[in-house]
Protein backbone atom coordinates (compact mmCIF):
# COMPACT_ATOMS: atom_id res chain seq x y z
CA MET A 1 89.75 41.01 -3.56
CA LYS A 2 88.96 40.24 -7.16
CA LEU A 3 90.46 38.11 -9.83
CA PHE A 4 90.24 39.73 -13.20
CA GLY A 5 89.78 37.37 -16.12
CA ILE A 6 89.92 37.41 -19.91
CA LYS A 7 87.95 35.63 -22.37
CA ASN A 8 88.93 33.87 -25.65
CA VAL A 9 92.55 32.93 -24.66
CA ASP A 10 94.82 31.93 -27.53
CA TRP A 11 94.64 28.21 -26.82
CA GLU A 12 97.91 27.40 -28.84
CA ASN A 13 99.93 29.86 -26.77
CA PRO A 14 97.85 30.79 -23.73
CA GLU A 15 100.12 32.69 -21.44
CA ILE A 16 97.59 32.84 -18.74
CA THR A 17 98.10 35.53 -16.09
CA ILE A 18 96.08 36.55 -13.08
CA GLU A 19 95.79 40.13 -12.02
CA PHE A 20 94.61 40.80 -8.55
CA SER A 21 92.93 44.08 -7.37
CA SER A 22 95.36 44.50 -4.55
CA GLU A 23 98.74 43.07 -3.51
CA VAL A 24 98.64 39.67 -2.23
CA ASP A 25 100.85 37.55 0.22
CA SER A 26 102.88 35.43 -2.23
CA SER A 27 102.97 32.72 0.37
CA THR A 28 99.18 32.35 -0.11
CA ALA A 29 99.00 32.55 -3.81
CA ASN A 30 100.17 29.11 -5.03
CA ASP A 31 98.94 25.96 -6.75
CA ASP A 32 97.00 25.04 -3.38
CA THR A 33 94.98 28.36 -3.62
CA ILE A 34 94.72 29.11 -7.28
CA LYS A 35 93.13 26.39 -9.40
CA LEU A 36 92.98 26.08 -13.04
CA GLU A 37 90.09 23.94 -13.98
CA TYR A 38 88.11 22.86 -17.05
CA ARG A 39 84.50 21.62 -17.53
CA ASN A 40 84.19 18.02 -18.66
CA GLN A 41 81.47 16.47 -20.72
CA GLY A 42 79.38 15.79 -17.68
CA GLY A 43 79.32 19.56 -16.78
CA ASN A 44 81.65 19.04 -13.77
CA TRP A 45 84.73 21.21 -13.06
CA VAL A 46 87.98 19.17 -13.18
CA GLU A 47 91.30 20.44 -11.55
CA ILE A 48 94.42 20.70 -13.86
CA ASP A 49 97.77 20.08 -12.13
CA SER A 50 99.27 23.52 -12.46
CA ASP A 51 102.09 25.86 -10.81
CA ILE A 52 101.67 29.56 -9.94
CA ASP A 53 104.49 31.80 -10.45
CA MET A 54 104.05 35.31 -8.87
CA ILE A 55 105.41 37.91 -11.36
CA SER A 56 104.74 40.84 -8.98
CA ALA A 57 102.67 41.51 -5.65
CA LYS A 58 99.44 41.79 -7.91
CA LYS A 59 100.18 39.54 -10.81
CA ALA A 60 100.71 35.71 -11.19
CA LYS A 61 101.37 33.30 -14.25
CA ILE A 62 99.85 29.90 -14.53
CA LYS A 63 101.81 26.94 -15.85
CA TRP A 64 100.31 23.35 -16.12
CA TRP A 65 101.27 19.95 -17.41
CA GLY A 66 99.82 16.53 -17.71
CA LEU A 67 96.74 16.28 -20.00
CA PHE A 68 97.13 19.79 -21.11
CA ASN A 69 100.87 19.83 -21.53
CA ALA A 70 101.00 22.28 -24.40
CA ALA A 71 98.02 23.89 -25.80
CA LEU A 72 94.63 24.29 -24.21
CA LEU A 73 91.90 22.27 -25.86
CA ASP A 74 89.63 24.25 -28.41
CA GLY A 75 85.97 24.62 -27.39
CA ILE A 76 86.59 23.59 -23.70
CA ARG A 77 85.65 26.00 -21.02
CA TYR A 78 88.31 26.81 -18.46
CA ARG A 79 88.28 28.86 -15.30
CA LEU A 80 90.74 29.99 -12.47
CA ARG A 81 89.50 29.87 -9.00
CA GLY A 82 91.20 31.48 -6.10
CA VAL A 83 90.65 30.24 -2.56
CA ARG A 84 92.31 31.38 0.77
CA ILE A 85 94.48 34.03 -0.84
CA THR A 86 95.22 36.87 1.62
CA ARG A 87 96.30 40.52 1.07
CA SER A 88 99.89 41.68 1.86
CA ALA A 89 100.20 43.17 5.29
């Protein structure tokens, strides 16, 4: 299964979604298994508190809060990382 990403997200209104290459079990696609992270000045990846909302069996929307309550920060590298997500039966 692949996560398809996009580059150069509008950081003032990001609307970040994930599209999976196949249908996933929605109980395994959540904030424990899909991580939004940014790279800090030391080069380390830091997890951002976020929620995952499954829009369909193949698509999820990311919502976050805390340090990044509104816009993403300009010039910062972000990534989404999926772990332990399973396909639908």
